[in-house]
Protein backbone atom coordinates (compact mmCIF):
# COMPACT_ATOMS: atom_id res chain seq x y z
CA MET A 1 137.12 -242.62 -1.64
CA THR A 2 135.58 -245.69 -3.29
CA THR A 3 137.54 -248.76 -4.26
CA GLU A 4 136.71 -251.94 -6.13
CA SER A 5 135.20 -254.75 -4.12
CA THR A 6 137.61 -257.32 -2.70
CA VAL A 7 135.18 -260.14 -3.51
CA ALA A 8 136.98 -262.38 -6.02
CA ASP A 9 135.00 -261.32 -9.11
CA ASP A 10 131.91 -259.54 -10.38
CA SER A 11 129.96 -262.71 -11.11
CA PHE A 12 127.59 -262.34 -8.15
CA HIS A 13 126.42 -259.15 -6.42
CA VAL A 14 125.30 -258.62 -2.84
CA PHE A 15 123.54 -255.26 -3.00
CA ASP A 16 122.37 -253.59 0.23
CA THR A 17 119.61 -251.00 0.26
CA THR A 18 119.23 -250.43 4.01
CA LEU A 19 119.99 -246.73 3.69
CA ARG A 20 117.31 -246.22 1.06
CA ASP A 21 114.61 -248.91 1.09
CA GLY A 22 115.29 -250.04 4.67
CA ALA A 23 114.97 -246.45 5.92
CA GLN A 24 111.34 -246.47 4.74
CA ARG A 25 110.38 -248.70 7.67
CA GLU A 26 107.95 -247.12 10.10
CA GLY A 27 109.88 -246.01 13.18
CA ILE A 28 113.25 -245.58 11.46
CA ASN A 29 114.45 -241.99 11.04
CA LEU A 30 118.11 -241.86 10.08
CA THR A 31 120.35 -238.84 10.44
CA VAL A 32 123.31 -238.36 8.12
CA ALA A 33 125.55 -239.55 10.96
CA ASP A 34 123.40 -242.69 11.32
CA LYS A 35 123.68 -243.40 7.61
CA LEU A 36 127.45 -242.97 7.67
CA ALA A 37 127.73 -245.35 10.64
CA ILE A 38 125.57 -247.99 8.94
CA ALA A 39 127.55 -247.63 5.70
CA ARG A 40 130.79 -248.30 7.59
CA ASN A 41 129.31 -251.45 9.14
CA LEU A 42 128.04 -252.71 5.79
CA ASP A 43 131.41 -252.09 4.19
CA ASP A 44 133.12 -253.92 7.07
CA PHE A 45 130.75 -256.84 6.47
CA GLY A 46 131.81 -256.93 2.83
CA VAL A 47 128.71 -256.27 0.73
CA GLY A 48 129.52 -255.30 -2.83
CA PHE A 49 127.17 -252.33 -3.19
CA ILE A 50 125.61 -249.87 -0.73
CA GLU A 51 122.64 -247.88 -2.00
CA GLY A 52 122.90 -244.64 -0.08
CA GLY A 53 119.67 -242.89 -1.02
CA TRP A 54 118.26 -240.48 -3.60
CA PRO A 55 120.59 -237.50 -4.07
CA GLY A 56 118.73 -234.37 -5.05
CA ALA A 57 115.44 -235.66 -3.62
CA ASN A 58 116.20 -234.34 -0.14
CA PRO A 59 119.08 -232.45 1.53
CA ARG A 60 119.93 -235.33 3.87
CA ASP A 61 120.70 -237.80 1.07
CA THR A 62 122.61 -235.16 -0.88
CA GLU A 63 124.75 -234.44 2.19
CA PHE A 64 125.27 -238.16 2.79
CA PHE A 65 126.81 -238.73 -0.65
CA SER A 66 129.09 -235.74 -0.23
CA ARG A 67 130.30 -236.79 3.21
CA ALA A 68 130.47 -240.54 2.55
CA GLN A 69 132.99 -240.11 -0.24
CA GLN A 70 135.12 -237.81 1.88
CA GLU A 71 134.85 -239.57 5.23
CA ILE A 72 134.64 -243.31 4.41
CA ASP A 73 137.47 -245.24 2.84
CA PHE A 74 135.36 -248.01 1.32
CA ARG A 75 137.36 -251.24 1.36
CA HIS A 76 134.77 -253.60 -0.10
CA ALA A 77 131.65 -251.78 -1.26
CA GLN A 78 130.85 -249.34 -4.02
CA LEU A 79 128.47 -246.49 -3.29
CA VAL A 80 125.23 -246.45 -5.27
CA ALA A 81 122.93 -243.50 -5.96
CA PHE A 82 119.23 -244.17 -6.50
CA GLY A 83 116.94 -242.24 -8.82
CA SER A 84 114.34 -242.57 -11.53
CA THR A 85 114.33 -242.44 -15.30
CA ARG A 86 113.85 -239.02 -16.89
CA ARG A 87 110.47 -237.37 -17.03
CA PRO A 88 108.16 -238.04 -20.00
CA GLY A 89 108.85 -235.77 -22.93
CA ALA A 90 112.20 -234.49 -21.58
CA LYS A 91 115.85 -235.29 -22.29
CA ALA A 92 117.88 -237.18 -19.72
CA SER A 93 120.75 -234.71 -20.08
CA GLU A 94 118.41 -231.85 -19.12
CA ASP A 95 116.49 -233.56 -16.31
CA PRO A 96 117.56 -232.04 -12.94
CA GLN A 97 117.10 -235.25 -10.94
CA VAL A 98 119.15 -237.25 -13.46
CA ARG A 99 121.92 -234.62 -13.29
CA ALA A 100 121.81 -234.86 -9.47
CA LEU A 101 122.67 -238.57 -9.81
CA VAL A 102 125.78 -237.67 -11.78
CA GLU A 103 126.69 -234.82 -9.43
CA SER A 104 126.47 -237.17 -6.42
CA GLY A 105 129.80 -238.65 -7.53
CA ALA A 106 128.59 -242.20 -6.92
CA PRO A 107 130.22 -244.62 -9.37
CA VAL A 108 127.05 -246.71 -9.65
CA VAL A 109 123.46 -245.57 -10.25
CA THR A 110 120.28 -247.56 -9.75
CA LEU A 111 117.37 -246.33 -11.83
CA VAL A 112 113.81 -247.24 -10.97
CA ALA A 113 111.73 -247.83 -14.10
CA LYS A 114 108.11 -248.75 -14.66
CA SER A 115 107.55 -252.22 -16.11
CA HIS A 116 103.84 -252.61 -15.38
CA ASP A 117 101.75 -251.21 -18.23
CA ARG A 118 99.00 -249.99 -15.91
CA HIS A 119 101.49 -248.06 -13.78
CA VAL A 120 102.93 -246.44 -16.91
CA GLU A 121 99.54 -245.19 -18.03
CA LEU A 122 98.07 -244.26 -14.63
CA ALA A 123 101.06 -243.20 -12.54
CA LEU A 124 103.43 -241.78 -15.17
CA ARG A 125 100.54 -240.69 -17.43
CA THR A 126 102.47 -241.45 -20.56
CA THR A 127 102.49 -244.02 -23.34
CA LEU A 128 104.07 -247.44 -23.20
CA ASP A 129 106.49 -246.50 -25.99
CA GLU A 130 107.55 -243.29 -24.24
CA ASN A 131 108.27 -245.23 -21.04
CA VAL A 132 110.63 -247.54 -22.96
CA ALA A 133 112.28 -244.46 -24.52
CA MET A 134 112.74 -242.98 -21.04
CA VAL A 135 114.60 -246.13 -19.97
CA ARG A 136 116.83 -246.15 -23.05
CA ASP A 137 117.63 -242.43 -22.91
CA THR A 138 118.43 -242.34 -19.17
CA VAL A 139 120.57 -245.47 -19.14
CA SER A 140 122.49 -244.31 -22.23
CA TYR A 141 123.11 -240.86 -20.78
CA LEU A 142 124.42 -242.19 -17.46
CA ARG A 143 126.67 -244.65 -19.27
CA GLU A 144 128.06 -241.74 -21.30
CA GLN A 145 128.83 -240.02 -18.01
CA GLY A 146 130.93 -243.01 -16.95
CA ARG A 147 128.44 -244.48 -14.50
CA ARG A 148 127.70 -248.14 -14.04
CA VAL A 149 123.91 -248.58 -14.21
CA PHE A 150 121.50 -251.03 -12.61
CA VAL A 151 117.80 -250.78 -13.49
CA ASP A 152 115.09 -251.71 -10.97
CA CYS A 153 111.96 -252.80 -12.85
CA GLU A 154 109.32 -251.73 -10.38
CA HIS A 155 106.22 -253.97 -9.98
CA PHE A 156 107.82 -256.35 -12.47
CA PHE A 157 106.10 -259.57 -11.42
CA ASP A 158 102.64 -258.00 -11.30
CA GLY A 159 103.37 -256.33 -14.62
CA TYR A 160 104.56 -259.61 -16.11
CA ARG A 161 101.33 -261.27 -15.05
CA ALA A 162 99.29 -258.50 -16.72
CA ASN A 163 101.38 -258.02 -19.89
CA PRO A 164 104.43 -260.28 -20.12
CA GLU A 165 105.66 -259.01 -23.48
CA TYR A 166 105.67 -255.39 -22.37
CA ALA A 167 107.42 -256.22 -19.09
CA LYS A 168 110.12 -258.07 -21.04
CA SER A 169 110.45 -255.16 -23.49
CA VAL A 170 111.49 -252.89 -20.59
CA VAL A 171 114.13 -255.43 -19.54
CA ARG A 172 115.48 -255.57 -23.11
CA ALA A 173 115.55 -251.78 -23.41
CA ALA A 174 117.57 -251.45 -20.21
CA ALA A 175 120.06 -254.17 -21.14
CA GLU A 176 120.50 -253.03 -24.72
CA SER A 177 121.17 -249.45 -23.55
CA GLY A 178 124.00 -250.53 -21.30
CA ALA A 179 122.52 -251.47 -17.93
CA ASP A 180 124.78 -254.04 -16.28
CA VAL A 181 121.94 -255.62 -14.30
CA VAL A 182 118.18 -255.50 -14.67
CA VAL A 183 116.53 -256.12 -11.31
CA LEU A 184 113.09 -257.75 -11.23
CA CYS A 185 111.19 -256.22 -8.30
CA ASP A 186 108.37 -257.83 -6.36
CA THR A 187 107.35 -254.38 -5.18
CA ASN A 188 104.06 -255.41 -3.56
CA GLY A 189 105.65 -258.51 -2.03
CA GLY A 190 102.82 -260.80 -3.08
CA MET A 191 104.73 -263.48 -4.97
CA LEU A 192 105.65 -267.00 -3.85
CA PRO A 193 108.92 -268.86 -4.52
CA ALA A 194 107.67 -271.14 -7.31
CA GLN A 195 106.20 -268.13 -9.14
CA ILE A 196 109.42 -266.16 -8.78
CA GLN A 197 111.55 -269.03 -10.04
CA ALA A 198 109.36 -269.64 -13.09
CA VAL A 199 109.24 -265.98 -14.15
CA VAL A 200 112.96 -265.32 -13.63
CA ALA A 201 113.89 -268.41 -15.63
CA THR A 202 111.60 -267.39 -18.50
CA VAL A 203 112.75 -263.76 -18.60
CA LEU A 204 116.40 -264.85 -18.51
CA ALA A 205 115.87 -267.21 -21.43
CA ASP A 206 113.84 -264.71 -23.46
CA THR A 207 115.98 -261.58 -22.94
CA GLY A 208 119.52 -262.78 -22.19
CA ALA A 209 119.87 -259.87 -19.72
CA ARG A 210 121.79 -260.21 -16.48
CA LEU A 211 119.04 -260.34 -13.85
CA GLY A 212 118.75 -259.40 -10.19
CA ILE A 213 115.99 -259.78 -7.61
CA HIS A 214 114.41 -257.32 -5.18
CA ALA A 215 111.82 -258.98 -2.92
CA GLN A 216 109.51 -257.39 -0.38
CA ASP A 217 108.33 -259.58 2.50
CA ASP A 218 104.55 -259.13 2.49
CA THR A 219 103.94 -262.89 2.24
CA GLY A 220 106.81 -263.73 4.59
CA CYS A 221 108.68 -265.19 1.61
CA ALA A 222 111.23 -262.49 0.73
CA VAL A 223 114.29 -264.58 1.63
CA ALA A 224 112.84 -267.69 -0.02
CA ASN A 225 111.85 -265.66 -3.09
CA THR A 226 115.37 -264.23 -3.33
CA LEU A 227 116.93 -267.67 -3.21
CA ALA A 228 114.36 -269.00 -5.72
CA ALA A 229 115.47 -266.25 -8.12
CA VAL A 230 119.09 -267.29 -7.61
CA ASP A 231 118.08 -270.87 -8.40
CA ALA A 232 116.58 -269.58 -11.65
CA GLY A 233 119.74 -267.70 -12.66
CA ALA A 234 119.68 -264.28 -10.94
CA THR A 235 123.20 -263.14 -10.02
CA HIS A 236 122.36 -259.96 -8.10
CA VAL A 237 120.41 -259.92 -4.80
CA GLN A 238 119.05 -256.76 -3.17
CA CYS A 239 118.53 -256.93 0.59
CA THR A 240 118.37 -254.84 3.74
CA ALA A 241 120.03 -255.37 7.11
CA ASN A 242 117.69 -257.21 9.49
CA GLY A 243 114.98 -257.10 6.81
CA TYR A 244 114.13 -253.44 7.44
CA GLY A 245 111.85 -251.83 4.89
CA GLU A 246 108.48 -250.41 4.06
CA ARG A 247 105.38 -252.21 5.38
CA VAL A 248 106.68 -255.57 6.69
CA GLY A 249 110.14 -255.18 5.19
CA ASN A 250 112.54 -256.52 2.56
CA ALA A 251 114.58 -259.65 2.04
CA ASN A 252 116.85 -259.87 5.08
CA LEU A 253 120.51 -259.48 4.14
CA PHE A 254 121.84 -261.82 6.79
CA PRO A 255 119.92 -265.07 6.13
CA VAL A 256 120.29 -264.48 2.38
CA VAL A 257 124.06 -264.12 2.61
CA ALA A 258 124.38 -266.98 5.10
CA ALA A 259 122.39 -269.26 2.79
CA LEU A 260 124.52 -268.29 -0.21
CA GLU A 261 127.77 -268.88 1.68
CA LEU A 262 126.84 -271.94 3.74
CA LYS A 263 124.13 -273.67 1.72
CA TYR A 264 124.98 -272.71 -1.87
CA ASP A 265 128.74 -272.63 -1.31
CA LYS A 266 128.98 -269.24 -3.07
CA ARG A 267 131.81 -266.97 -1.96
CA VAL A 268 129.94 -263.67 -1.88
CA LEU A 269 131.81 -262.05 1.04
CA PRO A 270 135.50 -261.45 1.76
CA GLU A 271 137.24 -264.19 3.70
CA GLY A 272 136.29 -264.16 7.39
CA SER A 273 133.40 -261.70 7.03
CA LEU A 274 130.63 -264.21 7.69
CA ALA A 275 131.83 -264.63 11.28
CA GLU A 276 131.15 -260.91 11.81
CA MET A 277 127.50 -261.25 10.82
CA THR A 278 125.93 -261.33 14.29
CA ARG A 279 127.98 -258.35 15.46
CA ILE A 280 127.10 -256.32 12.35
CA SER A 281 123.39 -257.15 12.66
CA HIS A 282 123.25 -256.02 16.28
CA ALA A 283 125.36 -252.92 15.63
CA ILE A 284 122.99 -251.73 12.90
CA ALA A 285 119.98 -252.44 15.13
CA GLU A 286 121.51 -250.21 17.79
CA ILE A 287 122.07 -247.40 15.28
CA VAL A 288 118.46 -247.44 14.05
CA ASN A 289 117.34 -247.68 17.69
CA LEU A 290 115.37 -250.90 17.32
CA ALA A 291 115.90 -253.87 19.62
CA PRO A 292 117.58 -256.73 17.75
CA SER A 293 115.12 -259.50 16.95
CA THR A 294 115.89 -262.30 19.39
CA HIS A 295 114.49 -264.95 17.04
CA GLN A 296 116.06 -263.77 13.79
CA PRO A 297 117.67 -266.65 11.87
CA TYR A 298 121.43 -267.04 12.27
CA VAL A 299 122.03 -263.82 14.29
CA GLY A 300 119.27 -263.75 16.93
CA VAL A 301 120.28 -264.57 20.51
CA SER A 302 117.75 -267.43 20.39
CA ALA A 303 118.91 -268.77 17.01
CA PHE A 304 120.98 -271.47 18.70
CA ALA A 305 119.21 -271.61 22.08
CA HIS A 306 118.00 -275.02 23.25
CA LYS A 307 115.33 -275.56 25.86
CA GLY A 308 113.86 -279.04 25.53
CA GLY A 309 115.45 -281.80 27.57
CA LEU A 310 115.40 -284.17 24.59
CA HIS A 311 117.33 -281.63 22.53
CA ALA A 312 119.88 -281.09 25.29
CA SER A 313 120.50 -284.83 25.64
CA ALA A 314 121.29 -285.07 21.94
CA ILE A 315 123.40 -281.90 21.89
CA LYS A 316 125.49 -283.25 24.75
CA VAL A 317 126.47 -286.09 22.41
CA ASP A 318 126.86 -283.96 19.27
CA PRO A 319 125.65 -280.35 18.80
CA ASP A 320 125.09 -281.00 15.10
CA LEU A 321 122.16 -283.26 15.96
CA TYR A 322 119.99 -280.20 16.64
CA GLN A 323 121.86 -277.40 14.83
CA HIS A 324 121.96 -276.88 11.08
CA ILE A 325 125.31 -275.03 11.28
CA ALA A 326 127.93 -274.30 13.91
CA PRO A 327 126.86 -270.93 15.41
CA GLU A 328 130.47 -269.72 15.39
CA GLN A 329 130.34 -269.63 11.59
CA VAL A 330 128.08 -266.58 11.80
CA GLY A 331 129.54 -265.11 14.98
CA ASN A 332 126.82 -266.45 17.27
CA THR A 333 126.93 -268.87 20.19
CA MET A 334 124.95 -271.85 21.40
CA ARG A 335 122.93 -271.28 24.56
CA MET A 336 121.27 -273.77 26.87
CA LEU A 337 118.02 -272.58 28.42
CA VAL A 338 117.13 -273.97 31.81
CA SER A 339 113.39 -274.28 32.45
CA ASP A 340 110.83 -276.76 33.70
CA MET A 341 111.47 -278.60 30.41
CA ALA A 342 115.09 -279.14 31.46
CA GLY A 343 116.60 -282.55 31.90
CA ARG A 344 119.97 -283.59 33.27
CA ALA A 345 121.75 -282.81 30.01
CA SER A 346 120.39 -279.24 29.99
CA VAL A 347 121.76 -278.60 33.47
CA GLU A 348 125.11 -280.23 32.73
CA LEU A 349 125.56 -278.23 29.51
CA LYS A 350 124.46 -275.01 31.20
CA GLY A 351 126.92 -275.63 34.01
CA LYS A 352 129.68 -276.11 31.45
CA GLU A 353 128.62 -272.90 29.68
CA LEU A 354 128.87 -271.04 33.03
CA GLY A 355 132.24 -272.59 33.87
CA ILE A 356 130.90 -274.66 36.78
CA ASP A 357 132.18 -278.23 36.97
CA LEU A 358 129.40 -280.55 38.09
CA GLY A 359 131.84 -283.46 38.14
CA GLY A 360 129.35 -285.96 36.74
CA ASP A 361 127.49 -285.90 40.07
CA ARG A 362 124.11 -287.38 39.15
CA ASP A 363 122.57 -286.66 42.56
CA LEU A 364 123.64 -283.02 42.35
CA VAL A 365 122.29 -282.63 38.82
CA GLY A 366 119.06 -284.33 39.86
CA ARG A 367 118.62 -281.90 42.77
CA VAL A 368 119.13 -278.92 40.46
CA VAL A 369 116.64 -280.26 37.91
CA GLY A 370 114.10 -280.82 40.67
CA ARG A 371 114.71 -277.35 42.10
CA VAL A 372 114.22 -275.71 38.70
CA LYS A 373 110.95 -277.52 38.10
CA GLU A 374 109.72 -276.67 41.60
CA GLN A 375 110.58 -272.97 41.24
CA GLU A 376 109.13 -272.62 37.75
CA LEU A 377 105.87 -274.09 39.05
CA LYS A 378 105.78 -271.12 41.45
CA GLY A 379 106.29 -268.67 38.56
CA TYR A 380 110.07 -268.29 38.30
CA THR A 381 111.68 -268.41 34.87
CA TYR A 382 115.37 -269.17 34.48
CA GLU A 383 115.73 -269.15 30.71
CA ALA A 384 115.57 -265.34 30.90
CA ALA A 385 117.46 -265.06 34.20
CA ASP A 386 120.84 -266.73 33.84
CA ALA A 387 122.28 -264.95 36.87
CA SER A 388 119.60 -266.25 39.23
CA PHE A 389 120.09 -269.74 37.86
CA GLU A 390 123.86 -269.54 38.33
CA LEU A 391 123.40 -268.46 41.95
CA MET A 392 121.07 -271.42 42.52
CA LEU A 393 123.52 -273.80 40.83
CA ARG A 394 126.47 -272.51 42.84
CA ALA A 395 124.47 -272.87 46.05
CA GLU A 396 123.92 -276.56 45.27
CA VAL A 397 127.54 -277.14 44.27
CA GLU A 398 129.02 -275.23 47.24
CA GLY A 399 126.50 -276.49 49.77
CA ARG A 400 125.23 -273.03 50.77
CA PRO A 401 124.02 -269.85 49.08
CA ARG A 402 126.43 -267.06 48.18
CA GLN A 403 125.68 -264.45 50.85
CA TYR A 404 127.39 -261.09 50.90
CA PHE A 405 124.64 -259.51 52.98
CA ARG A 406 121.49 -260.53 54.83
CA THR A 407 118.16 -258.74 54.76
CA GLU A 408 116.58 -257.99 58.13
CA SER A 409 113.66 -256.04 56.69
CA TRP A 410 112.63 -253.51 54.08
CA ARG A 411 109.70 -251.24 53.45
CA ALA A 412 108.55 -248.90 50.70
CA ILE A 413 106.11 -246.03 51.13
CA VAL A 414 104.20 -244.18 48.42
CA GLU A 415 102.70 -240.89 49.60
CA ASP A 416 99.91 -239.25 47.62
CA ARG A 417 100.25 -235.51 48.18
CA PRO A 418 97.49 -232.88 47.94
CA ASP A 419 99.12 -231.25 44.92
CA GLY A 420 98.76 -234.46 42.91
CA THR A 421 102.42 -235.48 43.14
CA HIS A 422 103.73 -238.65 44.74
CA ALA A 423 106.68 -239.25 47.06
CA ASN A 424 108.40 -242.66 47.07
CA GLU A 425 110.58 -243.55 50.02
CA ALA A 426 112.22 -246.83 51.04
CA THR A 427 114.04 -248.00 54.14
CA VAL A 428 116.18 -251.15 54.23
CA LYS A 429 117.78 -252.91 57.19
CA LEU A 430 120.70 -255.17 56.24
CA TRP A 431 123.60 -257.05 57.80
CA ALA A 432 126.98 -257.19 56.05
CA LYS A 433 130.34 -258.25 57.47
CA GLY A 434 128.84 -258.30 60.98
CA GLU A 435 127.55 -254.75 60.71
CA ARG A 436 123.91 -253.71 60.86
CA ILE A 437 123.04 -251.19 58.17
CA VAL A 438 119.96 -248.97 58.05
CA ALA A 439 119.53 -246.87 54.92
CA THR A 440 116.74 -244.69 53.55
CA ALA A 441 116.35 -243.22 50.07
CA GLU A 442 113.80 -241.60 47.79
CA GLY A 443 113.20 -242.56 44.17
CA ASN A 444 110.94 -242.03 41.21
CA GLY A 445 109.02 -245.15 42.22
CA PRO A 446 109.02 -247.58 45.13
CA VAL A 447 111.35 -250.06 43.42
CA ASN A 448 113.77 -247.30 42.43
CA ALA A 449 113.72 -246.07 46.05
CA LEU A 450 114.51 -249.60 47.29
CA ASP A 451 117.34 -249.89 44.79
CA ARG A 452 118.84 -246.57 45.91
CA ALA A 453 118.49 -247.39 49.61
CA MET A 454 120.11 -250.79 49.14
CA ARG A 455 122.96 -249.31 47.14
CA SER A 456 123.62 -246.44 49.58
CA GLY A 457 123.67 -248.87 52.51
CA LEU A 458 126.05 -251.39 50.94
CA GLU A 459 128.42 -249.23 48.85
CA ARG A 460 130.53 -248.26 51.87
CA ILE A 461 131.26 -251.94 52.53
CA TYR A 462 131.27 -253.03 48.89
CA PRO A 463 132.47 -250.06 46.77
CA GLN A 464 132.28 -252.31 43.68
CA LEU A 465 128.50 -251.79 43.73
CA ALA A 466 128.95 -248.18 42.60
CA LYS A 467 129.44 -249.48 39.04
CA LEU A 468 126.11 -251.29 38.95
CA GLU A 469 123.23 -249.85 36.98
CA LEU A 470 119.68 -251.13 36.55
CA VAL A 471 119.37 -251.48 32.76
CA ASP A 472 115.91 -253.00 32.29
CA TYR A 473 112.91 -253.85 34.42
CA LYS A 474 109.99 -256.04 33.36
CA VAL A 475 106.87 -257.01 35.29
CA ARG A 476 104.41 -259.75 34.42
CA ILE A 477 101.26 -260.61 36.34
CA LEU A 478 100.87 -264.37 36.29
CA GLU A 479 97.60 -266.27 36.51
CA GLY A 480 95.76 -266.17 39.81
CA ARG A 481 96.40 -269.14 42.06
CA HIS A 482 94.18 -268.42 45.09
CA GLY A 483 90.80 -267.06 44.11
CA THR A 484 91.27 -263.55 42.81
CA GLU A 485 94.89 -263.29 44.04
CA SER A 486 97.69 -263.29 41.48
CA THR A 487 101.44 -263.85 41.42
CA THR A 488 103.86 -261.24 40.10
CA ARG A 489 107.12 -262.03 38.32
CA VAL A 490 109.84 -259.42 37.92
CA LEU A 491 112.86 -259.65 35.64
CA ILE A 492 115.69 -257.17 36.22
CA THR A 493 118.68 -256.64 33.95
CA THR A 494 121.72 -255.07 35.60
CA GLY A 495 125.02 -253.91 34.11
CA ASP A 496 128.46 -253.01 35.41
CA GLY A 497 129.85 -251.27 32.34
CA VAL A 498 131.39 -254.50 31.07
CA GLY A 499 128.49 -256.90 30.83
CA GLU A 500 124.85 -257.38 31.75
CA TRP A 501 122.98 -260.07 33.66
CA SER A 502 119.35 -260.85 34.44
CA THR A 503 117.71 -261.94 37.68
CA VAL A 504 114.18 -263.00 38.59
CA GLY A 505 111.91 -262.55 41.59
CA VAL A 506 108.40 -263.85 42.26
CA GLY A 507 106.03 -262.63 44.96
CA GLU A 508 102.50 -261.76 45.93
CA ASN A 509 103.11 -258.16 44.86
CA VAL A 510 105.44 -256.31 42.53
CA ILE A 511 107.60 -254.79 45.28
CA ALA A 512 108.27 -258.12 47.01
CA ALA A 513 109.16 -259.73 43.68
CA SER A 514 111.39 -256.78 42.80
CA TRP A 515 113.27 -257.05 46.10
CA GLN A 516 114.13 -260.70 45.38
CA ALA A 517 115.41 -259.82 41.92
CA LEU A 518 117.44 -256.90 43.34
CA GLU A 519 119.03 -259.15 45.98
CA ASP A 520 120.13 -261.59 43.28
CA ALA A 521 121.34 -258.74 41.05
CA TYR A 522 123.61 -257.30 43.77
CA THR A 523 124.81 -260.72 44.84
CA TYR A 524 125.72 -261.66 41.28
CA GLY A 525 127.42 -258.30 40.74
CA LEU A 526 129.70 -258.96 43.70
CA LEU A 527 130.35 -262.50 42.46
CA ARG A 528 131.37 -261.07 39.06
CA ALA A 529 133.68 -258.64 40.83
CA GLY A 530 135.51 -261.56 42.47
CA ILE A 531 134.45 -260.70 46.02
CA GLU A 532 134.40 -263.55 48.53
CA PRO A 533 131.18 -264.02 50.53
CA ALA A 534 131.13 -262.29 53.92
CA GLU A 535 128.93 -264.79 55.74
């Protein structure tokens, strides 16, 4: 069922088109189940309108509208069906695709209409007058059927540049026929903020229609263009989650909404919804099977990450000195990155973040800073390996490394067989709790074989290791340091079903570097499990 939005009034619309325009991004292929899951997240976030697709154009979108209205109890959003104006020379009441919009059951319909004279003549192959009649007839018919109507004026800004009076005549026709909002679309994404603001202001003054904005991101200005339109009087913004969309994408829902709420002081979401923004962004990224952008404004994991020592010194005094908002406002967190750029403040703040009390010990902090710089010179990186840094920090604080086991030796063998296959076998020799352990295992690669051998040897003594799983593995060959020789850095991400952590290893070859990262990963896993060191 669909209910009215819980946003205070209808004076400003946040309209999401992830399920229609966003789904046109290369690499995104949504099932009906995916679309239902995204719709639930968008409704939880509190957008006012969710454009679900084009019913009648394909079976998937038709099924989505049927199931969405049966399976989702919309608390905030209204479901929107997308379609086009009637065909030239036909009647809206007899056009099958227009009837499909009505039969979808969606309470709101968005119609795409041509507003660029050249597109009318070349793409629709009809006259300018007939195109205006198509807009009037289709909007009027849908209004008679009890539907709220928004009209997307496709290629509006390019059309306005070519023939401003005709572009405005399409806006007037839509508004006079009963369209609640006429959306000016930068379909090719080539406009800049000052251009958008000037055109929207002029069209608003000349037509009196309620205007919206739909901006593509081909110049990298979609968010700025959307906000420029709002500055000029637009009261309806069309966006997609994480900026998904055709070519380079659409105006990103999350920075647009955050700017409206936090910079414009507009209440466009239900109370408390803004703090869910980071979670919603990442949840939708998981559904579309794309890694969340780490550097996305507001919601990226790096959005409030600080690396420079100068920044850290200021943040220690007052986080607002290097942050434009408190990250908690959008459900994110501040992170301190420890690297060779780190100063004392970076280490102190990182220790606080990890729950390690450095007690104001300047000598201790100085040793850690020196150790980080020394290790990063060798090729280590701690900004991406928090677990390895925490183990180093604890070793300095506690006076000795955390040691649950000791490595005597290890070896990995790759056998090239006559049939073209390869066998990977590893043997590890370890000491744990006074016991010498020898374990051998095969794997689908030498590192996987080492991981399995290590696990099989230690699980009997530390059963907590059975929960650990290698989640991600990255290798980077660093610049050569001795003639043609090079250094290899390995980053490993490990999980235990509750959380994940990353460790780093550096060596003359990939297997040696991997072994270091695996040792840290297992050590940190046991630390997380609350196990006391054995030696």
